Amino acid sequence: HHSGIVPWQIACQRSGAKLKVVPITACGELDMATLETLITERTKIVSL
């Protein structure tokens, strides 16, 4: 939802952090394989 996007865009703009996005599949599910690669030691917050 936009309330799960815009606040994080603002937070990243203010801090210099980077916003990463987990893609979805054609049926509307999270791409879990990609999600696992996106979660790294640089990840501080996961919001979903």
ModelCIF file with pLDDT and N, C-alpha, C, O atoms, coordinates in Angstrom:
data_MODEL
#
_entry.id   MODEL 
#
_entity.id                         1 
_entity.type                       polymer 
_entity.pdbx_number_of_molecules   1 
#
_entity_poly.entity_id                      1 
_entity_poly.type                           'polypeptide(L)' 
_entity_poly.nstd_linkage                   no 
_entity_poly.nstd_monomer                   no 
_entity_poly.pdbx_seq_one_letter_code       HHSGIVPWQIACQRSGAKLKVVPITACGELDMATLETLITERTKIVSL 
_entity_poly.pdbx_seq_one_letter_code_can   HHSGIVPWQIACQRSGAKLKVVPITACGELDMATLETLITERTKIVSL 
_entity_poly.pdbx_strand_id                 A 
#
loop_
_entity_poly_seq.entity_id 
_entity_poly_seq.num 
_entity_poly_seq.mon_id 
_entity_poly_seq.hetero 
1 1  HIS n 
1 2  HIS n 
1 3  SER n 
1 4  GLY n 
1 5  ILE n 
1 6  VAL n 
1 7  PRO n 
1 8  TRP n 
1 9  GLN n 
1 10 ILE n 
1 11 ALA n 
1 12 CYS n 
1 13 GLN n 
1 14 ARG n 
1 15 SER n 
1 16 GLY n 
1 17 ALA n 
1 18 LYS n 
1 19 LEU n 
1 20 LYS n 
1 21 VAL n 
1 22 VAL n 
1 23 PRO n 
1 24 ILE n 
1 25 THR n 
1 26 ALA n 
1 27 CYS n 
1 28 GLY n 
1 29 GLU n 
1 30 LEU n 
1 31 ASP n 
1 32 MET n 
1 33 ALA n 
1 34 THR n 
1 35 LEU n 
1 36 GLU n 
1 37 THR n 
1 38 LEU n 
1 39 ILE n 
1 40 THR n 
1 41 GLU n 
1 42 ARG n 
1 43 THR n 
1 44 LYS n 
1 45 ILE n 
1 46 VAL n 
1 47 SER n 
1 48 LEU n 
#
_struct_asym.id          A 
_struct_asym.entity_id   1 
#
loop_
_ma_qa_metric.id 
_ma_qa_metric.mode 
_ma_qa_metric.name 
_ma_qa_metric.software_group_id 
_ma_qa_metric.type 
1 global pLDDT . pLDDT 
2 local  pLDDT . pLDDT 
#
_ma_qa_metric_global.metric_id      1 
_ma_qa_metric_global.metric_value   97.58 
_ma_qa_metric_global.model_id       1 
_ma_qa_metric_global.ordinal_id     1 
#
loop_
_ma_qa_metric_local.label_asym_id 
_ma_qa_metric_local.label_comp_id 
_ma_qa_metric_local.label_seq_id 
_ma_qa_metric_local.metric_id 
_ma_qa_metric_local.metric_value 
_ma_qa_metric_local.model_id 
_ma_qa_metric_local.ordinal_id 
A HIS 1  2 96.00 1 1  
A HIS 2  2 97.00 1 2  
A SER 3  2 97.00 1 3  
A GLY 4  2 97.00 1 4  
A ILE 5  2 97.00 1 5  
A VAL 6  2 98.00 1 6  
A PRO 7  2 97.00 1 7  
A TRP 8  2 98.00 1 8  
A GLN 9  2 98.00 1 9  
A ILE 10 2 97.00 1 10 
A ALA 11 2 97.00 1 11 
A CYS 12 2 97.00 1 12 
A GLN 13 2 97.00 1 13 
A ARG 14 2 96.00 1 14 
A SER 15 2 97.00 1 15 
A GLY 16 2 97.00 1 16 
A ALA 17 2 98.00 1 17 
A LYS 18 2 98.00 1 18 
A LEU 19 2 98.00 1 19 
A LYS 20 2 98.00 1 20 
A VAL 21 2 98.00 1 21 
A VAL 22 2 98.00 1 22 
A PRO 23 2 98.00 1 23 
A ILE 24 2 98.00 1 24 
A THR 25 2 98.00 1 25 
A ALA 26 2 97.00 1 26 
A CYS 27 2 97.00 1 27 
A GLY 28 2 97.00 1 28 
A GLU 29 2 98.00 1 29 
A LEU 30 2 98.00 1 30 
A ASP 31 2 98.00 1 31 
A MET 32 2 98.00 1 32 
A ALA 33 2 98.00 1 33 
A THR 34 2 98.00 1 34 
A LEU 35 2 98.00 1 35 
A GLU 36 2 97.00 1 36 
A THR 37 2 98.00 1 37 
A LEU 38 2 98.00 1 38 
A ILE 39 2 98.00 1 39 
A THR 40 2 98.00 1 40 
A GLU 41 2 97.00 1 41 
A ARG 42 2 98.00 1 42 
A THR 43 2 98.00 1 43 
A LYS 44 2 98.00 1 44 
A ILE 45 2 98.00 1 45 
A VAL 46 2 98.00 1 46 
A SER 47 2 98.00 1 47 
A LEU 48 2 98.00 1 48 
#
loop_
_atom_site.group_PDB 
_atom_site.id 
_atom_site.type_symbol 
_atom_site.label_atom_id 
_atom_site.label_alt_id 
_atom_site.label_comp_id 
_atom_site.label_asym_id 
_atom_site.label_entity_id 
_atom_site.label_seq_id 
_atom_site.pdbx_PDB_ins_code 
_atom_site.Cartn_x 
_atom_site.Cartn_y 
_atom_site.Cartn_z 
_atom_site.occupancy 
_atom_site.B_iso_or_equiv 
_atom_site.pdbx_formal_charge 
_atom_site.auth_seq_id 
_atom_site.auth_comp_id 
_atom_site.auth_asym_id 
_atom_site.auth_atom_id 
_atom_site.pdbx_PDB_model_num 
ATOM 1   N N  . HIS A 1 1  ? 0.868  -1.176  0.000   1.00 96.00 ? 1  HIS A N  1 
ATOM 2   C CA . HIS A 1 1  ? 0.000  0.000   0.000   1.00 96.00 ? 1  HIS A CA 1 
ATOM 3   C C  . HIS A 1 1  ? 0.904  1.225   0.000   1.00 96.00 ? 1  HIS A C  1 
ATOM 4   O O  . HIS A 1 1  ? 2.052  1.130   0.434   1.00 96.00 ? 1  HIS A O  1 
ATOM 5   N N  . HIS A 1 2  ? 0.428  2.359   -0.468  1.00 97.00 ? 2  HIS A N  1 
ATOM 6   C CA . HIS A 1 2  ? 1.250  3.568   -0.500  1.00 97.00 ? 2  HIS A CA 1 
ATOM 7   C C  . HIS A 1 2  ? 1.810  3.930   0.876   1.00 97.00 ? 2  HIS A C  1 
ATOM 8   O O  . HIS A 1 2  ? 2.885  4.523   0.976   1.00 97.00 ? 2  HIS A O  1 
ATOM 9   N N  . SER A 1 3  ? 1.078  3.571   1.939   1.00 97.00 ? 3  SER A N  1 
ATOM 10  C CA . SER A 1 3  ? 1.568  3.872   3.293   1.00 97.00 ? 3  SER A CA 1 
ATOM 11  C C  . SER A 1 3  ? 2.742  2.985   3.676   1.00 97.00 ? 3  SER A C  1 
ATOM 12  O O  . SER A 1 3  ? 3.406  3.230   4.683   1.00 97.00 ? 3  SER A O  1 
ATOM 13  N N  . GLY A 1 4  ? 2.999  1.959   2.880   1.00 97.00 ? 4  GLY A N  1 
ATOM 14  C CA . GLY A 1 4  ? 4.169  1.113   3.076   1.00 97.00 ? 4  GLY A CA 1 
ATOM 15  C C  . GLY A 1 4  ? 5.277  1.420   2.091   1.00 97.00 ? 4  GLY A C  1 
ATOM 16  O O  . GLY A 1 4  ? 6.286  0.716   2.040   1.00 97.00 ? 4  GLY A O  1 
ATOM 17  N N  . ILE A 1 5  ? 5.090  2.474   1.306   1.00 97.00 ? 5  ILE A N  1 
ATOM 18  C CA . ILE A 1 5  ? 6.101  2.897   0.323   1.00 97.00 ? 5  ILE A CA 1 
ATOM 19  C C  . ILE A 1 5  ? 6.619  4.292   0.644   1.00 97.00 ? 5  ILE A C  1 
ATOM 20  O O  . ILE A 1 5  ? 7.815  4.494   0.854   1.00 97.00 ? 5  ILE A O  1 
ATOM 21  N N  . VAL A 1 6  ? 5.689  5.260   0.679   1.00 98.00 ? 6  VAL A N  1 
ATOM 22  C CA . VAL A 1 6  ? 6.082  6.667   0.799   1.00 98.00 ? 6  VAL A CA 1 
ATOM 23  C C  . VAL A 1 6  ? 6.859  6.962   2.081   1.00 98.00 ? 6  VAL A C  1 
ATOM 24  O O  . VAL A 1 6  ? 7.877  7.649   2.003   1.00 98.00 ? 6  VAL A O  1 
ATOM 25  N N  . PRO A 1 7  ? 6.438  6.480   3.265   1.00 97.00 ? 7  PRO A N  1 
ATOM 26  C CA . PRO A 1 7  ? 7.233  6.769   4.467   1.00 97.00 ? 7  PRO A CA 1 
ATOM 27  C C  . PRO A 1 7  ? 8.670  6.282   4.367   1.00 97.00 ? 7  PRO A C  1 
ATOM 28  O O  . PRO A 1 7  ? 9.579  6.913   4.905   1.00 97.00 ? 7  PRO A O  1 
ATOM 29  N N  . TRP A 1 8  ? 8.882  5.158   3.678   1.00 98.00 ? 8  TRP A N  1 
ATOM 30  C CA . TRP A 1 8  ? 10.235 4.627   3.538   1.00 98.00 ? 8  TRP A CA 1 
ATOM 31  C C  . TRP A 1 8  ? 11.032 5.391   2.488   1.00 98.00 ? 8  TRP A C  1 
ATOM 32  O O  . TRP A 1 8  ? 12.250 5.526   2.607   1.00 98.00 ? 8  TRP A O  1 
ATOM 33  N N  . GLN A 1 9  ? 10.353 5.889   1.466   1.00 98.00 ? 9  GLN A N  1 
ATOM 34  C CA . GLN A 1 9  ? 11.048 6.766   0.522   1.00 98.00 ? 9  GLN A CA 1 
ATOM 35  C C  . GLN A 1 9  ? 11.559 8.015   1.240   1.00 98.00 ? 9  GLN A C  1 
ATOM 36  O O  . GLN A 1 9  ? 12.694 8.442   1.029   1.00 98.00 ? 9  GLN A O  1 
ATOM 37  N N  . ILE A 1 10 ? 10.711 8.592   2.087   1.00 97.00 ? 10 ILE A N  1 
ATOM 38  C CA . ILE A 1 10 ? 11.103 9.788   2.837   1.00 97.00 ? 10 ILE A CA 1 
ATOM 39  C C  . ILE A 1 10 ? 12.270 9.478   3.765   1.00 97.00 ? 10 ILE A C  1 
ATOM 40  O O  . ILE A 1 10 ? 13.234 10.240  3.837   1.00 97.00 ? 10 ILE A O  1 
ATOM 41  N N  . ALA A 1 11 ? 12.180 8.346   4.482   1.00 97.00 ? 11 ALA A N  1 
ATOM 42  C CA . ALA A 1 11 ? 13.233 7.960   5.419   1.00 97.00 ? 11 ALA A CA 1 
ATOM 43  C C  . ALA A 1 11 ? 14.562 7.741   4.704   1.00 97.00 ? 11 ALA A C  1 
ATOM 44  O O  . ALA A 1 11 ? 15.619 8.121   5.208   1.00 97.00 ? 11 ALA A O  1 
ATOM 45  N N  . CYS A 1 12 ? 14.498 7.125   3.527   1.00 97.00 ? 12 CYS A N  1 
ATOM 46  C CA . CYS A 1 12 ? 15.729 6.868   2.767   1.00 97.00 ? 12 CYS A CA 1 
ATOM 47  C C  . CYS A 1 12 ? 16.308 8.158   2.194   1.00 97.00 ? 12 CYS A C  1 
ATOM 48  O O  . CYS A 1 12 ? 17.527 8.335   2.171   1.00 97.00 ? 12 CYS A O  1 
ATOM 49  N N  . GLN A 1 13 ? 15.452 9.050   1.735   1.00 97.00 ? 13 GLN A N  1 
ATOM 50  C CA . GLN A 1 13 ? 15.930 10.339  1.215   1.00 97.00 ? 13 GLN A CA 1 
ATOM 51  C C  . GLN A 1 13 ? 16.631 11.144  2.299   1.00 97.00 ? 13 GLN A C  1 
ATOM 52  O O  . GLN A 1 13 ? 17.642 11.795  2.033   1.00 97.00 ? 13 GLN A O  1 
ATOM 53  N N  . ARG A 1 14 ? 16.108 11.105  3.506   1.00 96.00 ? 14 ARG A N  1 
ATOM 54  C CA . ARG A 1 14 ? 16.687 11.865  4.611   1.00 96.00 ? 14 ARG A CA 1 
ATOM 55  C C  . ARG A 1 14 ? 18.002 11.261  5.104   1.00 96.00 ? 14 ARG A C  1 
ATOM 56  O O  . ARG A 1 14 ? 18.901 11.987  5.529   1.00 96.00 ? 14 ARG A O  1 
ATOM 57  N N  . SER A 1 15 ? 18.111 9.940   5.047   1.00 97.00 ? 15 SER A N  1 
ATOM 58  C CA . SER A 1 15 ? 19.259 9.253   5.650   1.00 97.00 ? 15 SER A CA 1 
ATOM 59  C C  . SER A 1 15 ? 20.351 8.867   4.669   1.00 97.00 ? 15 SER A C  1 
ATOM 60  O O  . SER A 1 15 ? 21.491 8.630   5.068   1.00 97.00 ? 15 SER A O  1 
ATOM 61  N N  . GLY A 1 16 ? 20.009 8.801   3.386   1.00 97.00 ? 16 GLY A N  1 
ATOM 62  C CA . GLY A 1 16 ? 20.958 8.306   2.405   1.00 97.00 ? 16 GLY A CA 1 
ATOM 63  C C  . GLY A 1 16 ? 20.931 6.796   2.259   1.00 97.00 ? 16 GLY A C  1 
ATOM 64  O O  . GLY A 1 16 ? 21.746 6.219   1.539   1.00 97.00 ? 16 GLY A O  1 
ATOM 65  N N  . ALA A 1 17 ? 19.978 6.147   2.956   1.00 98.00 ? 17 ALA A N  1 
ATOM 66  C CA . ALA A 1 17 ? 19.815 4.700   2.794   1.00 98.00 ? 17 ALA A CA 1 
ATOM 67  C C  . ALA A 1 17 ? 19.177 4.395   1.451   1.00 98.00 ? 17 ALA A C  1 
ATOM 68  O O  . ALA A 1 17 ? 18.683 5.295   0.772   1.00 98.00 ? 17 ALA A O  1 
ATOM 69  N N  . LYS A 1 18 ? 19.188 3.125   1.070   1.00 98.00 ? 18 LYS A N  1 
ATOM 70  C CA . LYS A 1 18 ? 18.667 2.715   -0.231  1.00 98.00 ? 18 LYS A CA 1 
ATOM 71  C C  . LYS A 1 18 ? 17.413 1.868   -0.039  1.00 98.00 ? 18 LYS A C  1 
ATOM 72  O O  . LYS A 1 18 ? 17.352 1.012   0.844   1.00 98.00 ? 18 LYS A O  1 
ATOM 73  N N  . LEU A 1 19 ? 16.412 2.124   -0.884  1.00 98.00 ? 19 LEU A N  1 
ATOM 74  C CA . LEU A 1 19 ? 15.160 1.369   -0.838  1.00 98.00 ? 19 LEU A CA 1 
ATOM 75  C C  . LEU A 1 19 ? 15.222 0.232   -1.846  1.00 98.00 ? 19 LEU A C  1 
ATOM 76  O O  . LEU A 1 19 ? 15.461 0.451   -3.033  1.00 98.00 ? 19 LEU A O  1 
ATOM 77  N N  . LYS A 1 20 ? 15.005 -0.985  -1.360  1.00 98.00 ? 20 LYS A N  1 
ATOM 78  C CA . LYS A 1 20 ? 14.990 -2.172  -2.213  1.00 98.00 ? 20 LYS A CA 1 
ATOM 79  C C  . LYS A 1 20 ? 13.573 -2.744  -2.250  1.00 98.00 ? 20 LYS A C  1 
ATOM 80  O O  . LYS A 1 20 ? 12.827 -2.637  -1.277  1.00 98.00 ? 20 LYS A O  1 
ATOM 81  N N  . VAL A 1 21 ? 13.209 -3.355  -3.384  1.00 98.00 ? 21 VAL A N  1 
ATOM 82  C CA . VAL A 1 21 ? 11.837 -3.840  -3.563  1.00 98.00 ? 21 VAL A CA 1 
ATOM 83  C C  . VAL A 1 21 ? 11.840 -5.306  -3.981  1.00 98.00 ? 21 VAL A C  1 
ATOM 84  O O  . VAL A 1 21 ? 12.505 -5.682  -4.946  1.00 98.00 ? 21 VAL A O  1 
ATOM 85  N N  . VAL A 1 22 ? 11.096 -6.128  -3.254  1.00 98.00 ? 22 VAL A N  1 
ATOM 86  C CA . VAL A 1 22 ? 10.932 -7.539  -3.599  1.00 98.00 ? 22 VAL A CA 1 
ATOM 87  C C  . VAL A 1 22 ? 9.892  -7.649  -4.709  1.00 98.00 ? 22 VAL A C  1 
ATOM 88  O O  . VAL A 1 22 ? 8.775  -7.161  -4.538  1.00 98.00 ? 22 VAL A O  1 
ATOM 89  N N  . PRO A 1 23 ? 10.220 -8.273  -5.842  1.00 98.00 ? 23 PRO A N  1 
ATOM 90  C CA . PRO A 1 23 ? 9.243  -8.384  -6.930  1.00 98.00 ? 23 PRO A CA 1 
ATOM 91  C C  . PRO A 1 23 ? 8.139  -9.387  -6.619  1.00 98.00 ? 23 PRO A C  1 
ATOM 92  O O  . PRO A 1 23 ? 8.254  -10.192 -5.694  1.00 98.00 ? 23 PRO A O  1 
ATOM 93  N N  . ILE A 1 24 ? 7.073  -9.326  -7.403  1.00 98.00 ? 24 ILE A N  1 
ATOM 94  C CA . ILE A 1 24 ? 5.994  -10.301 -7.290  1.00 98.00 ? 24 ILE A CA 1 
ATOM 95  C C  . ILE A 1 24 ? 5.904  -11.120 -8.565  1.00 98.00 ? 24 ILE A C  1 
ATOM 96  O O  . ILE A 1 24 ? 6.451  -10.744 -9.602  1.00 98.00 ? 24 ILE A O  1 
ATOM 97  N N  . THR A 1 25 ? 5.213  -12.236 -8.474  1.00 98.00 ? 25 THR A N  1 
ATOM 98  C CA . THR A 1 25 ? 5.030  -13.124 -9.618  1.00 98.00 ? 25 THR A CA 1 
ATOM 99  C C  . THR A 1 25 ? 3.709  -12.807 -10.309 1.00 98.00 ? 25 THR A C  1 
ATOM 100 O O  . THR A 1 25 ? 2.926  -11.989 -9.825  1.00 98.00 ? 25 THR A O  1 
ATOM 101 N N  . ALA A 1 26 ? 3.468  -13.458 -11.439 1.00 97.00 ? 26 ALA A N  1 
ATOM 102 C CA . ALA A 1 26 ? 2.257  -13.193 -12.224 1.00 97.00 ? 26 ALA A CA 1 
ATOM 103 C C  . ALA A 1 26 ? 0.974  -13.470 -11.452 1.00 97.00 ? 26 ALA A C  1 
ATOM 104 O O  . ALA A 1 26 ? -0.048 -12.827 -11.690 1.00 97.00 ? 26 ALA A O  1 
ATOM 105 N N  . CYS A 1 27 ? 1.024  -14.429 -10.525 1.00 97.00 ? 27 CYS A N  1 
ATOM 106 C CA . CYS A 1 27 ? -0.183 -14.748 -9.760  1.00 97.00 ? 27 CYS A CA 1 
ATOM 107 C C  . CYS A 1 27 ? -0.346 -13.839 -8.544  1.00 97.00 ? 27 CYS A C  1 
ATOM 108 O O  . CYS A 1 27 ? -1.352 -13.925 -7.839  1.00 97.00 ? 27 CYS A O  1 
ATOM 109 N N  . GLY A 1 28 ? 0.635  -12.969 -8.292  1.00 97.00 ? 28 GLY A N  1 
ATOM 110 C CA . GLY A 1 28 ? 0.512  -12.027 -7.194  1.00 97.00 ? 28 GLY A CA 1 
ATOM 111 C C  . GLY A 1 28 ? 1.134  -12.492 -5.899  1.00 97.00 ? 28 GLY A C  1 
ATOM 112 O O  . GLY A 1 28 ? 0.729  -12.051 -4.823  1.00 97.00 ? 28 GLY A O  1 
ATOM 113 N N  . GLU A 1 29 ? 2.114  -13.379 -5.985  1.00 98.00 ? 29 GLU A N  1 
ATOM 114 C CA . GLU A 1 29 ? 2.844  -13.827 -4.807  1.00 98.00 ? 29 GLU A CA 1 
ATOM 115 C C  . GLU A 1 29 ? 4.225  -13.187 -4.770  1.00 98.00 ? 29 GLU A C  1 
ATOM 116 O O  . GLU A 1 29 ? 4.745  -12.762 -5.802  1.00 98.00 ? 29 GLU A O  1 
ATOM 117 N N  . LEU A 1 30 ? 4.816  -13.118 -3.585  1.00 98.00 ? 30 LEU A N  1 
ATOM 118 C CA . LEU A 1 30 ? 6.169  -12.615 -3.480  1.00 98.00 ? 30 LEU A CA 1 
ATOM 119 C C  . LEU A 1 30 ? 7.154  -13.594 -4.113  1.00 98.00 ? 30 LEU A C  1 
ATOM 120 O O  . LEU A 1 30 ? 7.006  -14.808 -3.981  1.00 98.00 ? 30 LEU A O  1 
ATOM 121 N N  . ASP A 1 31 ? 8.149  -13.061 -4.792  1.00 98.00 ? 31 ASP A N  1 
ATOM 122 C CA . ASP A 1 31 ? 9.230  -13.876 -5.342  1.00 98.00 ? 31 ASP A CA 1 
ATOM 123 C C  . ASP A 1 31 ? 10.193 -14.179 -4.194  1.00 98.00 ? 31 ASP A C  1 
ATOM 124 O O  . ASP A 1 31 ? 11.122 -13.417 -3.929  1.00 98.00 ? 31 ASP A O  1 
ATOM 125 N N  . MET A 1 32 ? 9.957  -15.293 -3.525  1.00 98.00 ? 32 MET A N  1 
ATOM 126 C CA . MET A 1 32 ? 10.705 -15.596 -2.307  1.00 98.00 ? 32 MET A CA 1 
ATOM 127 C C  . MET A 1 32 ? 12.185 -15.863 -2.584  1.00 98.00 ? 32 MET A C  1 
ATOM 128 O O  . MET A 1 32 ? 13.037 -15.552 -1.752  1.00 98.00 ? 32 MET A O  1 
ATOM 129 N N  . ALA A 1 33 ? 12.491 -16.431 -3.734  1.00 98.00 ? 33 ALA A N  1 
ATOM 130 C CA . ALA A 1 33 ? 13.902 -16.683 -4.065  1.00 98.00 ? 33 ALA A CA 1 
ATOM 131 C C  . ALA A 1 33 ? 14.671 -15.377 -4.156  1.00 98.00 ? 33 ALA A C  1 
ATOM 132 O O  . ALA A 1 33 ? 15.789 -15.265 -3.653  1.00 98.00 ? 33 ALA A O  1 
ATOM 133 N N  . THR A 1 34 ? 14.055 -14.378 -4.809  1.00 98.00 ? 34 THR A N  1 
ATOM 134 C CA . THR A 1 34 ? 14.702 -13.071 -4.911  1.00 98.00 ? 34 THR A CA 1 
ATOM 135 C C  . THR A 1 34 ? 14.745 -12.377 -3.564  1.00 98.00 ? 34 THR A C  1 
ATOM 136 O O  . THR A 1 34 ? 15.724 -11.703 -3.243  1.00 98.00 ? 34 THR A O  1 
ATOM 137 N N  . LEU A 1 35 ? 13.688 -12.536 -2.768  1.00 98.00 ? 35 LEU A N  1 
ATOM 138 C CA . LEU A 1 35 ? 13.658 -11.932 -1.442  1.00 98.00 ? 35 LEU A CA 1 
ATOM 139 C C  . LEU A 1 35 ? 14.854 -12.385 -0.606  1.00 98.00 ? 35 LEU A C  1 
ATOM 140 O O  . LEU A 1 35 ? 15.486 -11.576 0.073   1.00 98.00 ? 35 LEU A O  1 
ATOM 141 N N  . GLU A 1 36 ? 15.153 -13.660 -0.661  1.00 97.00 ? 36 GLU A N  1 
ATOM 142 C CA . GLU A 1 36 ? 16.270 -14.182 0.127   1.00 97.00 ? 36 GLU A CA 1 
ATOM 143 C C  . GLU A 1 36 ? 17.597 -13.576 -0.297  1.00 97.00 ? 36 GLU A C  1 
ATOM 144 O O  . GLU A 1 36 ? 18.485 -13.390 0.535   1.00 97.00 ? 36 GLU A O  1 
ATOM 145 N N  . THR A 1 37 ? 17.744 -13.266 -1.581  1.00 98.00 ? 37 THR A N  1 
ATOM 146 C CA . THR A 1 37 ? 19.001 -12.656 -2.041  1.00 98.00 ? 37 THR A CA 1 
ATOM 147 C C  . THR A 1 37 ? 19.074 -11.174 -1.679  1.00 98.00 ? 37 THR A C  1 
ATOM 148 O O  . THR A 1 37 ? 20.163 -10.615 -1.553  1.00 98.00 ? 37 THR A O  1 
ATOM 149 N N  . LEU A 1 38 ? 17.901 -10.535 -1.511  1.00 98.00 ? 38 LEU A N  1 
ATOM 150 C CA . LEU A 1 38 ? 17.863 -9.108  -1.205  1.00 98.00 ? 38 LEU A CA 1 
ATOM 151 C C  . LEU A 1 38 ? 18.094 -8.822  0.279   1.00 98.00 ? 38 LEU A C  1 
ATOM 152 O O  . LEU A 1 38 ? 18.499 -7.717  0.641   1.00 98.00 ? 38 LEU A O  1 
ATOM 153 N N  . ILE A 1 39 ? 17.839 -9.802  1.129   1.00 98.00 ? 39 ILE A N  1 
ATOM 154 C CA . ILE A 1 39 ? 18.100 -9.625  2.558   1.00 98.00 ? 39 ILE A CA 1 
ATOM 155 C C  . ILE A 1 39 ? 19.574 -9.908  2.813   1.00 98.00 ? 39 ILE A C  1 
ATOM 156 O O  . ILE A 1 39 ? 20.024 -11.049 2.708   1.00 98.00 ? 39 ILE A O  1 
ATOM 157 N N  . THR A 1 40 ? 20.322 -8.862  3.148   1.00 98.00 ? 40 THR A N  1 
ATOM 158 C CA . THR A 1 40 ? 21.769 -8.975  3.371   1.00 98.00 ? 40 THR A CA 1 
ATOM 159 C C  . THR A 1 40 ? 22.138 -8.264  4.667   1.00 98.00 ? 40 THR A C  1 
ATOM 160 O O  . THR A 1 40 ? 21.271 -7.753  5.375   1.00 98.00 ? 40 THR A O  1 
ATOM 161 N N  . GLU A 1 41 ? 23.419 -8.237  4.966   1.00 97.00 ? 41 GLU A N  1 
ATOM 162 C CA . GLU A 1 41 ? 23.874 -7.547  6.173   1.00 97.00 ? 41 GLU A CA 1 
ATOM 163 C C  . GLU A 1 41 ? 23.638 -6.041  6.099   1.00 97.00 ? 41 GLU A C  1 
ATOM 164 O O  . GLU A 1 41 ? 23.709 -5.355  7.119   1.00 97.00 ? 41 GLU A O  1 
ATOM 165 N N  . ARG A 1 42 ? 23.357 -5.516  4.895   1.00 98.00 ? 42 ARG A N  1 
ATOM 166 C CA . ARG A 1 42 ? 23.045 -4.095  4.750   1.00 98.00 ? 42 ARG A CA 1 
ATOM 167 C C  . ARG A 1 42 ? 21.581 -3.792  5.073   1.00 98.00 ? 42 ARG A C  1 
ATOM 168 O O  . ARG A 1 42 ? 21.218 -2.636  5.293   1.00 98.00 ? 42 ARG A O  1 
ATOM 169 N N  . THR A 1 43 ? 20.749 -4.824  5.102   1.00 98.00 ? 43 THR A N  1 
ATOM 170 C CA . THR A 1 43 ? 19.319 -4.642  5.376   1.00 98.00 ? 43 THR A CA 1 
ATOM 171 C C  . THR A 1 43 ? 19.100 -4.320  6.843   1.00 98.00 ? 43 THR A C  1 
ATOM 172 O O  . THR A 1 43 ? 19.483 -5.096  7.718   1.00 98.00 ? 43 THR A O  1 
ATOM 173 N N  . LYS A 1 44 ? 18.492 -3.189  7.110   1.00 98.00 ? 44 LYS A N  1 
ATOM 174 C CA . LYS A 1 44 ? 18.219 -2.780  8.482   1.00 98.00 ? 44 LYS A CA 1 
ATOM 175 C C  . LYS A 1 44 ? 16.747 -2.938  8.849   1.00 98.00 ? 44 LYS A C  1 
ATOM 176 O O  . LYS A 1 44 ? 16.404 -3.196  10.003  1.00 98.00 ? 44 LYS A O  1 
ATOM 177 N N  . ILE A 1 45 ? 15.884 -2.778  7.846   1.00 98.00 ? 45 ILE A N  1 
ATOM 178 C CA . ILE A 1 45 ? 14.437 -2.841  8.083   1.00 98.00 ? 45 ILE A CA 1 
ATOM 179 C C  . ILE A 1 45 ? 13.775 -3.590  6.937   1.00 98.00 ? 45 ILE A C  1 
ATOM 180 O O  . ILE A 1 45 ? 14.087 -3.357  5.769   1.00 98.00 ? 45 ILE A O  1 
ATOM 181 N N  . VAL A 1 46 ? 12.855 -4.493  7.278   1.00 98.00 ? 46 VAL A N  1 
ATOM 182 C CA . VAL A 1 46 ? 11.984 -5.135  6.299   1.00 98.00 ? 46 VAL A CA 1 
ATOM 183 C C  . VAL A 1 46 ? 10.559 -4.745  6.654   1.00 98.00 ? 46 VAL A C  1 
ATOM 184 O O  . VAL A 1 46 ? 10.115 -4.977  7.778   1.00 98.00 ? 46 VAL A O  1 
ATOM 185 N N  . SER A 1 47 ? 9.837  -4.153  5.706   1.00 98.00 ? 47 SER A N  1 
ATOM 186 C CA . SER A 1 47 ? 8.477  -3.691  5.943   1.00 98.00 ? 47 SER A CA 1 
ATOM 187 C C  . SER A 1 47 ? 7.564  -4.284  4.875   1.00 98.00 ? 47 SER A C  1 
ATOM 188 O O  . SER A 1 47 ? 7.823  -4.130  3.681   1.00 98.00 ? 47 SER A O  1 
ATOM 189 N N  . LEU A 1 48 ? 6.499  -4.958  5.295   1.00 98.00 ? 48 LEU A N  1 
ATOM 190 C CA . LEU A 1 48 ? 5.631  -5.607  4.312   1.00 98.00 ? 48 LEU A CA 1 
ATOM 191 C C  . LEU A 1 48 ? 4.214  -5.773  4.835   1.00 98.00 ? 48 LEU A C  1 
ATOM 192 O O  . LEU A 1 48 ? 3.354  -6.303  4.131   1.00 98.00 ? 48 LEU A O  1 
#
